[in-house]
Amino acid sequence: MPNLPFPPSIWIILGPILVLAAASLLIPLLVKERPMPPEEGWTGFFYSNPKDPALFVPKRIGIGYTLNFGNPLSWVVLALIFALVSVPLILSATILRRLPR
């Protein structure tokens, strides 16, 4: 087994936490302050307006931003989030499977 700096179980916990921390620091820097999007783009908690070029829009309720699912790049961002959460889980499972019993 390779010498890892931390056991794989630590990466299961720290991986998603570090990704969320980095995203929470980067999103305010990347998103320009703008007015609330129009009401016709909202369906419940989701915003989808293909005519709106913004990737992130201010939430209608609460603090923060949400994705504009009418923008094709939002699906790429969503896939990256799922990949960043699942990769530590998959790597940990493969490393744990190789451990001697």
PDB file of N, CA and C in Angstrom:
ATOM      1  N   MET A   1       0.836  -1.178   0.000  1.00  0.00           N
ATOM      2  CA  MET A   1       0.000   0.000   0.000  1.00  0.00           C
ATOM      3  C   MET A   1       0.884   1.246   0.000  1.00  0.00           C
ATOM      4  N   PRO A   2       0.521   2.247  -0.801  1.00  0.00           N
ATOM      5  CA  PRO A   2       1.337   3.458  -0.832  1.00  0.00           C
ATOM      6  C   PRO A   2       1.229   4.200   0.499  1.00  0.00           C
ATOM      7  N   ASN A   3       2.280   4.918   0.816  1.00  0.00           N
ATOM      8  CA  ASN A   3       2.266   5.727   2.036  1.00  0.00           C
ATOM      9  C   ASN A   3       1.475   6.999   1.764  1.00  0.00           C
ATOM     10  N   LEU A   4       0.317   7.099   2.387  1.00  0.00           N
ATOM     11  CA  LEU A   4      -0.538   8.263   2.204  1.00  0.00           C
ATOM     12  C   LEU A   4      -0.331   9.221   3.371  1.00  0.00           C
ATOM     13  N   PRO A   5      -0.413  10.549   3.114  1.00  0.00           N
ATOM     14  CA  PRO A   5      -0.244  11.493   4.215  1.00  0.00           C
ATOM     15  C   PRO A   5      -1.381  11.394   5.241  1.00  0.00           C
ATOM     16  N   PHE A   6      -2.563  11.026   4.804  1.00  0.00           N
ATOM     17  CA  PHE A   6      -3.719  10.865   5.694  1.00  0.00           C
ATOM     18  C   PHE A   6      -4.432   9.582   5.313  1.00  0.00           C
ATOM     19  N   PRO A   7      -5.107   8.962   6.247  1.00  0.00           N
ATOM     20  CA  PRO A   7      -5.899   7.784   5.879  1.00  0.00           C
ATOM     21  C   PRO A   7      -7.049   8.180   4.947  1.00  0.00           C
ATOM     22  N   PRO A   8      -7.504   7.260   4.111  1.00  0.00           N
ATOM     23  CA  PRO A   8      -8.568   7.595   3.143  1.00  0.00           C
ATOM     24  C   PRO A   8      -9.846   8.113   3.794  1.00  0.00           C
ATOM     25  N   SER A   9     -10.169   7.662   5.001  1.00  0.00           N
ATOM     26  CA  SER A   9     -11.407   8.121   5.626  1.00  0.00           C
ATOM     27  C   SER A   9     -11.381   9.618   5.915  1.00  0.00           C
ATOM     28  N   ILE A  10     -10.206  10.176   6.125  1.00  0.00           N
ATOM     29  CA  ILE A  10     -10.099  11.623   6.359  1.00  0.00           C
ATOM     30  C   ILE A  10     -10.479  12.373   5.085  1.00  0.00           C
ATOM     31  N   TRP A  11     -10.084  11.839   3.918  1.00  0.00           N
ATOM     32  CA  TRP A  11     -10.411  12.507   2.657  1.00  0.00           C
ATOM     33  C   TRP A  11     -11.903  12.462   2.376  1.00  0.00           C
ATOM     34  N   ILE A  12     -12.595  11.449   2.843  1.00  0.00           N
ATOM     35  CA  ILE A  12     -14.048  11.387   2.654  1.00  0.00           C
ATOM     36  C   ILE A  12     -14.708  12.576   3.346  1.00  0.00           C
ATOM     37  N   ILE A  13     -14.180  12.949   4.492  1.00  0.00           N
ATOM     38  CA  ILE A  13     -14.746  14.063   5.244  1.00  0.00           C
ATOM     39  C   ILE A  13     -14.184  15.390   4.756  1.00  0.00           C
ATOM     40  N   LEU A  14     -12.865  15.473   4.609  1.00  0.00           N
ATOM     41  CA  LEU A  14     -12.238  16.747   4.279  1.00  0.00           C
ATOM     42  C   LEU A  14     -12.423  17.173   2.827  1.00  0.00           C
ATOM     43  N   GLY A  15     -12.515  16.228   1.907  1.00  0.00           N
ATOM     44  CA  GLY A  15     -12.647  16.573   0.491  1.00  0.00           C
ATOM     45  C   GLY A  15     -13.835  17.477   0.208  1.00  0.00           C
ATOM     46  N   PRO A  16     -15.061  17.034   0.520  1.00  0.00           N
ATOM     47  CA  PRO A  16     -16.216  17.904   0.260  1.00  0.00           C
ATOM     48  C   PRO A  16     -16.201  19.194   1.071  1.00  0.00           C
ATOM     49  N   ILE A  17     -15.667  19.152   2.302  1.00  0.00           N
ATOM     50  CA  ILE A  17     -15.613  20.368   3.115  1.00  0.00           C
ATOM     51  C   ILE A  17     -14.679  21.394   2.473  1.00  0.00           C
ATOM     52  N   LEU A  18     -13.524  20.942   1.998  1.00  0.00           N
ATOM     53  CA  LEU A  18     -12.592  21.867   1.348  1.00  0.00           C
ATOM     54  C   LEU A  18     -13.160  22.429   0.052  1.00  0.00           C
ATOM     55  N   VAL A  19     -13.865  21.599  -0.705  1.00  0.00           N
ATOM     56  CA  VAL A  19     -14.480  22.073  -1.954  1.00  0.00           C
ATOM     57  C   VAL A  19     -15.548  23.118  -1.661  1.00  0.00           C
ATOM     58  N   LEU A  20     -16.392  22.861  -0.667  1.00  0.00           N
ATOM     59  CA  LEU A  20     -17.430  23.835  -0.326  1.00  0.00           C
ATOM     60  C   LEU A  20     -16.824  25.128   0.213  1.00  0.00           C
ATOM     61  N   ALA A  21     -15.754  25.021   0.989  1.00  0.00           N
ATOM     62  CA  ALA A  21     -15.098  26.220   1.505  1.00  0.00           C
ATOM     63  C   ALA A  21     -14.506  27.042   0.361  1.00  0.00           C
ATOM     64  N   ALA A  22     -13.849  26.368  -0.581  1.00  0.00           N
ATOM     65  CA  ALA A  22     -13.276  27.079  -1.724  1.00  0.00           C
ATOM     66  C   ALA A  22     -14.369  27.727  -2.570  1.00  0.00           C
ATOM     67  N   ALA A  23     -15.460  27.007  -2.776  1.00  0.00           N
ATOM     68  CA  ALA A  23     -16.561  27.561  -3.574  1.00  0.00           C
ATOM     69  C   ALA A  23     -17.184  28.757  -2.878  1.00  0.00           C
ATOM     70  N   SER A  24     -17.344  28.690  -1.550  1.00  0.00           N
ATOM     71  CA  SER A  24     -17.962  29.812  -0.834  1.00  0.00           C
ATOM     72  C   SER A  24     -17.063  31.049  -0.851  1.00  0.00           C
ATOM     73  N   LEU A  25     -15.761  30.853  -1.003  1.00  0.00           N
ATOM     74  CA  LEU A  25     -14.865  31.995  -1.107  1.00  0.00           C
ATOM     75  C   LEU A  25     -14.783  32.540  -2.529  1.00  0.00           C
ATOM     76  N   LEU A  26     -14.887  31.659  -3.529  1.00  0.00           N
ATOM     77  CA  LEU A  26     -14.740  32.086  -4.919  1.00  0.00           C
ATOM     78  C   LEU A  26     -16.011  32.669  -5.523  1.00  0.00           C
ATOM     79  N   ILE A  27     -17.165  32.155  -5.147  1.00  0.00           N
ATOM     80  CA  ILE A  27     -18.419  32.608  -5.772  1.00  0.00           C
ATOM     81  C   ILE A  27     -18.634  34.111  -5.579  1.00  0.00           C
ATOM     82  N   PRO A  28     -18.471  34.677  -4.367  1.00  0.00           N
ATOM     83  CA  PRO A  28     -18.657  36.140  -4.268  1.00  0.00           C
ATOM     84  C   PRO A  28     -17.664  36.928  -5.110  1.00  0.00           C
ATOM     85  N   LEU A  29     -16.482  36.383  -5.346  1.00  0.00           N
ATOM     86  CA  LEU A  29     -15.514  37.090  -6.181  1.00  0.00           C
ATOM     87  C   LEU A  29     -15.873  37.024  -7.659  1.00  0.00           C
ATOM     88  N   LEU A  30     -16.471  35.915  -8.077  1.00  0.00           N
ATOM     89  CA  LEU A  30     -16.782  35.719  -9.492  1.00  0.00           C
ATOM     90  C   LEU A  30     -18.137  36.291  -9.899  1.00  0.00           C
ATOM     91  N   VAL A  31     -19.039  36.433  -8.958  1.00  0.00           N
ATOM     92  CA  VAL A  31     -20.397  36.879  -9.267  1.00  0.00           C
ATOM     93  C   VAL A  31     -20.479  38.385  -9.083  1.00  0.00           C
ATOM     94  N   LYS A  32     -20.973  39.065 -10.107  1.00  0.00           N
ATOM     95  CA  LYS A  32     -21.152  40.508 -10.034  1.00  0.00           C
ATOM     96  C   LYS A  32     -22.474  40.803  -9.326  1.00  0.00           C
ATOM     97  N   GLU A  33     -22.474  41.863  -8.561  1.00  0.00           N
ATOM     98  CA  GLU A  33     -23.700  42.266  -7.862  1.00  0.00           C
ATOM     99  C   GLU A  33     -24.719  42.707  -8.906  1.00  0.00           C
ATOM    100  N   ARG A  34     -25.893  42.140  -8.805  1.00  0.00           N
ATOM    101  CA  ARG A  34     -26.939  42.463  -9.773  1.00  0.00           C
ATOM    102  C   ARG A  34     -28.290  42.397  -9.103  1.00  0.00           C
ATOM    103  N   PRO A  35     -29.307  42.994  -9.727  1.00  0.00           N
ATOM    104  CA  PRO A  35     -30.646  42.975  -9.114  1.00  0.00           C
ATOM    105  C   PRO A  35     -31.245  41.577  -9.152  1.00  0.00           C
ATOM    106  N   MET A  36     -32.311  41.416  -8.394  1.00  0.00           N
ATOM    107  CA  MET A  36     -33.016  40.124  -8.372  1.00  0.00           C
ATOM    108  C   MET A  36     -33.509  39.787  -9.782  1.00  0.00           C
ATOM    109  N   PRO A  37     -33.413  38.521 -10.168  1.00  0.00           N
ATOM    110  CA  PRO A  37     -33.918  38.128 -11.485  1.00  0.00           C
ATOM    111  C   PRO A  37     -35.442  38.196 -11.519  1.00  0.00           C
ATOM    112  N   PRO A  38     -36.007  38.240 -12.723  1.00  0.00           N
ATOM    113  CA  PRO A  38     -37.467  38.347 -12.826  1.00  0.00           C
ATOM    114  C   PRO A  38     -38.166  37.109 -12.274  1.00  0.00           C
ATOM    115  N   GLU A  39     -39.400  37.310 -11.826  1.00  0.00           N
ATOM    116  CA  GLU A  39     -40.169  36.234 -11.197  1.00  0.00           C
ATOM    117  C   GLU A  39     -40.535  35.108 -12.161  1.00  0.00           C
ATOM    118  N   GLU A  40     -40.656  35.385 -13.451  1.00  0.00           N
ATOM    119  CA  GLU A  40     -41.097  34.334 -14.380  1.00  0.00           C
ATOM    120  C   GLU A  40     -40.065  33.229 -14.576  1.00  0.00           C
ATOM    121  N   GLY A  41     -38.827  33.441 -14.161  1.00  0.00           N
ATOM    122  CA  GLY A  41     -37.811  32.407 -14.298  1.00  0.00           C
ATOM    123  C   GLY A  41     -37.815  31.397 -13.156  1.00  0.00           C
ATOM    124  N   TRP A  42     -38.522  31.687 -12.089  1.00  0.00           N
ATOM    125  CA  TRP A  42     -38.503  30.840 -10.900  1.00  0.00           C
ATOM    126  C   TRP A  42     -39.563  29.752 -10.954  1.00  0.00           C
ATOM    127  N   THR A  43     -39.158  28.544 -10.611  1.00  0.00           N
ATOM    128  CA  THR A  43     -40.082  27.416 -10.428  1.00  0.00           C
ATOM    129  C   THR A  43     -39.742  26.817  -9.076  1.00  0.00           C
ATOM    130  N   GLY A  44     -40.457  27.218  -8.047  1.00  0.00           N
ATOM    131  CA  GLY A  44     -40.123  26.772  -6.700  1.00  0.00           C
ATOM    132  C   GLY A  44     -38.795  27.374  -6.280  1.00  0.00           C
ATOM    133  N   PHE A  45     -37.825  26.518  -5.932  1.00  0.00           N
ATOM    134  CA  PHE A  45     -36.501  26.984  -5.529  1.00  0.00           C
ATOM    135  C   PHE A  45     -35.537  27.078  -6.705  1.00  0.00           C
ATOM    136  N   PHE A  46     -35.940  26.660  -7.881  1.00  0.00           N
ATOM    137  CA  PHE A  46     -35.055  26.602  -9.044  1.00  0.00           C
ATOM    138  C   PHE A  46     -35.304  27.782  -9.969  1.00  0.00           C
ATOM    139  N   TYR A  47     -34.207  28.292 -10.548  1.00  0.00           N
ATOM    140  CA  TYR A  47     -34.299  29.387 -11.502  1.00  0.00           C
ATOM    141  C   TYR A  47     -33.812  28.892 -12.851  1.00  0.00           C
ATOM    142  N   SER A  48     -34.631  29.056 -13.866  1.00  0.00           N
ATOM    143  CA  SER A  48     -34.276  28.638 -15.216  1.00  0.00           C
ATOM    144  C   SER A  48     -34.784  29.674 -16.203  1.00  0.00           C
ATOM    145  N   ASN A  49     -33.863  30.445 -16.737  1.00  0.00           N
ATOM    146  CA  ASN A  49     -34.208  31.460 -17.720  1.00  0.00           C
ATOM    147  C   ASN A  49     -33.112  31.469 -18.783  1.00  0.00           C
ATOM    148  N   PRO A  50     -33.350  30.837 -19.947  1.00  0.00           N
ATOM    149  CA  PRO A  50     -32.328  30.790 -20.992  1.00  0.00           C
ATOM    150  C   PRO A  50     -31.948  32.170 -21.537  1.00  0.00           C
ATOM    151  N   LYS A  51     -32.819  33.161 -21.376  1.00  0.00           N
ATOM    152  CA  LYS A  51     -32.524  34.509 -21.875  1.00  0.00           C
ATOM    153  C   LYS A  51     -31.598  35.279 -20.939  1.00  0.00           C
ATOM    154  N   ASP A  52     -31.484  34.821 -19.686  1.00  0.00           N
ATOM    155  CA  ASP A  52     -30.616  35.462 -18.701  1.00  0.00           C
ATOM    156  C   ASP A  52     -29.212  34.866 -18.836  1.00  0.00           C
ATOM    157  N   PRO A  53     -28.187  35.669 -19.153  1.00  0.00           N
ATOM    158  CA  PRO A  53     -26.843  35.118 -19.363  1.00  0.00           C
ATOM    159  C   PRO A  53     -26.106  34.760 -18.069  1.00  0.00           C
ATOM    160  N   ALA A  54     -26.648  35.144 -16.910  1.00  0.00           N
ATOM    161  CA  ALA A  54     -25.951  34.911 -15.641  1.00  0.00           C
ATOM    162  C   ALA A  54     -25.908  33.425 -15.311  1.00  0.00           C
ATOM    163  N   LEU A  55     -24.775  32.988 -14.781  1.00  0.00           N
ATOM    164  CA  LEU A  55     -24.628  31.606 -14.329  1.00  0.00           C
ATOM    165  C   LEU A  55     -25.148  31.464 -12.907  1.00  0.00           C
ATOM    166  N   PHE A  56     -24.814  32.408 -12.038  1.00  0.00           N
ATOM    167  CA  PHE A  56     -25.296  32.433 -10.665  1.00  0.00           C
ATOM    168  C   PHE A  56     -26.235  33.619 -10.499  1.00  0.00           C
ATOM    169  N   VAL A  57     -27.351  33.396  -9.815  1.00  0.00           N
ATOM    170  CA  VAL A  57     -28.309  34.464  -9.543  1.00  0.00           C
ATOM    171  C   VAL A  57     -28.585  34.480  -8.040  1.00  0.00           C
ATOM    172  N   PRO A  58     -28.920  35.660  -7.488  1.00  0.00           N
ATOM    173  CA  PRO A  58     -29.243  35.716  -6.060  1.00  0.00           C
ATOM    174  C   PRO A  58     -30.487  34.883  -5.756  1.00  0.00           C
ATOM    175  N   LYS A  59     -30.463  34.203  -4.615  1.00  0.00           N
ATOM    176  CA  LYS A  59     -31.625  33.411  -4.220  1.00  0.00           C
ATOM    177  C   LYS A  59     -32.816  34.318  -3.958  1.00  0.00           C
ATOM    178  N   ARG A  60     -33.987  33.785  -4.208  1.00  0.00           N
ATOM    179  CA  ARG A  60     -35.203  34.547  -3.959  1.00  0.00           C
ATOM    180  C   ARG A  60     -35.500  34.590  -2.467  1.00  0.00           C
ATOM    181  N   ILE A  61     -35.211  33.489  -1.776  1.00  0.00           N
ATOM    182  CA  ILE A  61     -35.441  33.395  -0.338  1.00  0.00           C
ATOM    183  C   ILE A  61     -34.120  33.018   0.318  1.00  0.00           C
ATOM    184  N   GLY A  62     -33.697  33.764   1.300  1.00  0.00           N
ATOM    185  CA  GLY A  62     -32.464  33.438   2.005  1.00  0.00           C
ATOM    186  C   GLY A  62     -31.269  34.183   1.457  1.00  0.00           C
ATOM    187  N   ILE A  63     -30.105  33.742   1.913  1.00  0.00           N
ATOM    188  CA  ILE A  63     -28.847  34.387   1.548  1.00  0.00           C
ATOM    189  C   ILE A  63     -28.075  33.464   0.625  1.00  0.00           C
ATOM    190  N   GLY A  64     -27.454  34.026  -0.380  1.00  0.00           N
ATOM    191  CA  GLY A  64     -26.606  33.227  -1.257  1.00  0.00           C
ATOM    192  C   GLY A  64     -27.053  33.278  -2.702  1.00  0.00           C
ATOM    193  N   TYR A  65     -26.510  32.345  -3.469  1.00  0.00           N
ATOM    194  CA  TYR A  65     -26.759  32.293  -4.903  1.00  0.00           C
ATOM    195  C   TYR A  65     -27.246  30.909  -5.295  1.00  0.00           C
ATOM    196  N   THR A  66     -27.890  30.848  -6.426  1.00  0.00           N
ATOM    197  CA  THR A  66     -28.308  29.584  -7.002  1.00  0.00           C
ATOM    198  C   THR A  66     -27.914  29.583  -8.478  1.00  0.00           C
ATOM    199  N   LEU A  67     -27.926  28.408  -9.073  1.00  0.00           N
ATOM    200  CA  LEU A  67     -27.577  28.296 -10.490  1.00  0.00           C
ATOM    201  C   LEU A  67     -28.757  28.673 -11.370  1.00  0.00           C
ATOM    202  N   ASN A  68     -28.460  29.263 -12.511  1.00  0.00           N
ATOM    203  CA  ASN A  68     -29.464  29.494 -13.542  1.00  0.00           C
ATOM    204  C   ASN A  68     -29.452  28.252 -14.431  1.00  0.00           C
ATOM    205  N   PHE A  69     -30.407  27.366 -14.247  1.00  0.00           N
ATOM    206  CA  PHE A  69     -30.423  26.110 -14.989  1.00  0.00           C
ATOM    207  C   PHE A  69     -30.795  26.293 -16.451  1.00  0.00           C
ATOM    208  N   GLY A  70     -31.131  27.502 -16.861  1.00  0.00           N
ATOM    209  CA  GLY A  70     -31.332  27.801 -18.271  1.00  0.00           C
ATOM    210  C   GLY A  70     -30.014  28.029 -18.994  1.00  0.00           C
ATOM    211  N   ASN A  71     -28.952  28.262 -18.253  1.00  0.00           N
ATOM    212  CA  ASN A  71     -27.620  28.452 -18.813  1.00  0.00           C
ATOM    213  C   ASN A  71     -26.945  27.084 -18.925  1.00  0.00           C
ATOM    214  N   PRO A  72     -26.467  26.688 -20.111  1.00  0.00           N
ATOM    215  CA  PRO A  72     -25.848  25.360 -20.267  1.00  0.00           C
ATOM    216  C   PRO A  72     -24.635  25.133 -19.358  1.00  0.00           C
ATOM    217  N   LEU A  73     -23.910  26.188 -18.996  1.00  0.00           N
ATOM    218  CA  LEU A  73     -22.748  26.023 -18.116  1.00  0.00           C
ATOM    219  C   LEU A  73     -23.137  25.600 -16.709  1.00  0.00           C
ATOM    220  N   SER A  74     -24.380  25.866 -16.307  1.00  0.00           N
ATOM    221  CA  SER A  74     -24.799  25.470 -14.959  1.00  0.00           C
ATOM    222  C   SER A  74     -24.781  23.950 -14.810  1.00  0.00           C
ATOM    223  N   TRP A  75     -25.056  23.231 -15.885  1.00  0.00           N
ATOM    224  CA  TRP A  75     -25.022  21.765 -15.826  1.00  0.00           C
ATOM    225  C   TRP A  75     -23.589  21.266 -15.702  1.00  0.00           C
ATOM    226  N   VAL A  76     -22.648  21.992 -16.288  1.00  0.00           N
ATOM    227  CA  VAL A  76     -21.230  21.640 -16.137  1.00  0.00           C
ATOM    228  C   VAL A  76     -20.804  21.867 -14.684  1.00  0.00           C
ATOM    229  N   VAL A  77     -21.213  22.993 -14.106  1.00  0.00           N
ATOM    230  CA  VAL A  77     -20.892  23.285 -12.702  1.00  0.00           C
ATOM    231  C   VAL A  77     -21.501  22.229 -11.791  1.00  0.00           C
ATOM    232  N   LEU A  78     -22.732  21.841 -12.045  1.00  0.00           N
ATOM    233  CA  LEU A  78     -23.386  20.814 -11.233  1.00  0.00           C
ATOM    234  C   LEU A  78     -22.661  19.476 -11.354  1.00  0.00           C
ATOM    235  N   ALA A  79     -22.231  19.118 -12.562  1.00  0.00           N
ATOM    236  CA  ALA A  79     -21.483  17.872 -12.752  1.00  0.00           C
ATOM    237  C   ALA A  79     -20.140  17.929 -12.023  1.00  0.00           C
ATOM    238  N   LEU A  80     -19.481  19.093 -12.040  1.00  0.00           N
ATOM    239  CA  LEU A  80     -18.215  19.244 -11.311  1.00  0.00           C
ATOM    240  C   LEU A  80     -18.407  19.098  -9.807  1.00  0.00           C
ATOM    241  N   ILE A  81     -19.488  19.644  -9.288  1.00  0.00           N
ATOM    242  CA  ILE A  81     -19.769  19.504  -7.856  1.00  0.00           C
ATOM    243  C   ILE A  81     -19.965  18.043  -7.496  1.00  0.00           C
ATOM    244  N   PHE A  82     -20.759  17.322  -8.285  1.00  0.00           N
ATOM    245  CA  PHE A  82     -20.968  15.895  -8.020  1.00  0.00           C
ATOM    246  C   PHE A  82     -19.665  15.109  -8.152  1.00  0.00           C
ATOM    247  N   ALA A  83     -18.832  15.471  -9.124  1.00  0.00           N
ATOM    248  CA  ALA A  83     -17.556  14.774  -9.297  1.00  0.00           C
ATOM    249  C   ALA A  83     -16.625  15.031  -8.114  1.00  0.00           C
ATOM    250  N   LEU A  84     -16.586  16.277  -7.639  1.00  0.00           N
ATOM    251  CA  LEU A  84     -15.708  16.606  -6.526  1.00  0.00           C
ATOM    252  C   LEU A  84     -16.146  15.940  -5.227  1.00  0.00           C
ATOM    253  N   VAL A  85     -17.421  15.644  -5.110  1.00  0.00           N
ATOM    254  CA  VAL A  85     -17.896  14.940  -3.917  1.00  0.00           C
ATOM    255  C   VAL A  85     -17.695  13.431  -4.067  1.00  0.00           C
ATOM    256  N   SER A  86     -17.898  12.899  -5.262  1.00  0.00           N
ATOM    257  CA  SER A  86     -17.837  11.445  -5.440  1.00  0.00           C
ATOM    258  C   SER A  86     -16.412  10.911  -5.602  1.00  0.00           C
ATOM    259  N   VAL A  87     -15.487  11.709  -6.125  1.00  0.00           N
ATOM    260  CA  VAL A  87     -14.118  11.221  -6.337  1.00  0.00           C
ATOM    261  C   VAL A  87     -13.452  10.793  -5.032  1.00  0.00           C
ATOM    262  N   PRO A  88     -13.532  11.585  -3.945  1.00  0.00           N
ATOM    263  CA  PRO A  88     -12.927  11.086  -2.695  1.00  0.00           C
ATOM    264  C   PRO A  88     -13.563   9.783  -2.205  1.00  0.00           C
ATOM    265  N   LEU A  89     -14.861   9.648  -2.394  1.00  0.00           N
ATOM    266  CA  LEU A  89     -15.532   8.404  -1.978  1.00  0.00           C
ATOM    267  C   LEU A  89     -15.043   7.215  -2.796  1.00  0.00           C
ATOM    268  N   ILE A  90     -14.929   7.392  -4.089  1.00  0.00           N
ATOM    269  CA  ILE A  90     -14.482   6.303  -4.965  1.00  0.00           C
ATOM    270  C   ILE A  90     -13.026   5.943  -4.687  1.00  0.00           C
ATOM    271  N   LEU A  91     -12.173   6.957  -4.537  1.00  0.00           N
ATOM    272  CA  LEU A  91     -10.772   6.690  -4.240  1.00  0.00           C
ATOM    273  C   LEU A  91     -10.605   5.985  -2.893  1.00  0.00           C
ATOM    274  N   SER A  92     -11.362   6.413  -1.912  1.00  0.00           N
ATOM    275  CA  SER A  92     -11.271   5.760  -0.603  1.00  0.00           C
ATOM    276  C   SER A  92     -11.730   4.315  -0.675  1.00  0.00           C
ATOM    277  N   ALA A  93     -12.786   4.056  -1.423  1.00  0.00           N
ATOM    278  CA  ALA A  93     -13.272   2.679  -1.545  1.00  0.00           C
ATOM    279  C   ALA A  93     -12.255   1.791  -2.241  1.00  0.00           C
ATOM    280  N   THR A  94     -11.599   2.307  -3.279  1.00  0.00           N
ATOM    281  CA  THR A  94     -10.605   1.481  -3.975  1.00  0.00           C
ATOM    282  C   THR A  94      -9.362   1.261  -3.117  1.00  0.00           C
ATOM    283  N   ILE A  95      -8.951   2.268  -2.361  1.00  0.00           N
ATOM    284  CA  ILE A  95      -7.788   2.099  -1.490  1.00  0.00           C
ATOM    285  C   ILE A  95      -8.102   1.142  -0.348  1.00  0.00           C
ATOM    286  N   LEU A  96      -9.282   1.269   0.237  1.00  0.00           N
ATOM    287  CA  LEU A  96      -9.663   0.379   1.336  1.00  0.00           C
ATOM    288  C   LEU A  96      -9.813  -1.061   0.868  1.00  0.00           C
ATOM    289  N   ARG A  97     -10.224  -1.251  -0.366  1.00  0.00           N
ATOM    290  CA  ARG A  97     -10.369  -2.605  -0.907  1.00  0.00           C
ATOM    291  C   ARG A  97      -9.000  -3.293  -1.056  1.00  0.00           C
ATOM    292  N   ARG A  98      -7.954  -2.508  -1.280  1.00  0.00           N
ATOM    293  CA  ARG A  98      -6.609  -3.076  -1.471  1.00  0.00           C
ATOM    294  C   ARG A  98      -5.884  -3.348  -0.158  1.00  0.00           C
ATOM    295  N   LEU A  99      -6.434  -2.874   0.952  1.00  0.00           N
ATOM    296  CA  LEU A  99      -5.780  -3.102   2.241  1.00  0.00           C
ATOM    297  C   LEU A  99      -5.774  -4.597   2.578  1.00  0.00           C
ATOM    298  N   PRO A 100      -4.712  -5.071   3.207  1.00  0.00           N
ATOM    299  CA  PRO A 100      -4.718  -6.473   3.631  1.00  0.00           C
ATOM    300  C   PRO A 100      -5.727  -6.703   4.735  1.00  0.00           C
ATOM    301  N   ARG A 101      -6.338  -7.856   4.708  1.00  0.00           N
ATOM    302  CA  ARG A 101      -7.364  -8.168   5.705  1.00  0.00           C
ATOM    303  C   ARG A 101      -6.808  -8.920   6.862  1.00  0.00           C
TER     304      ARG A 101
END
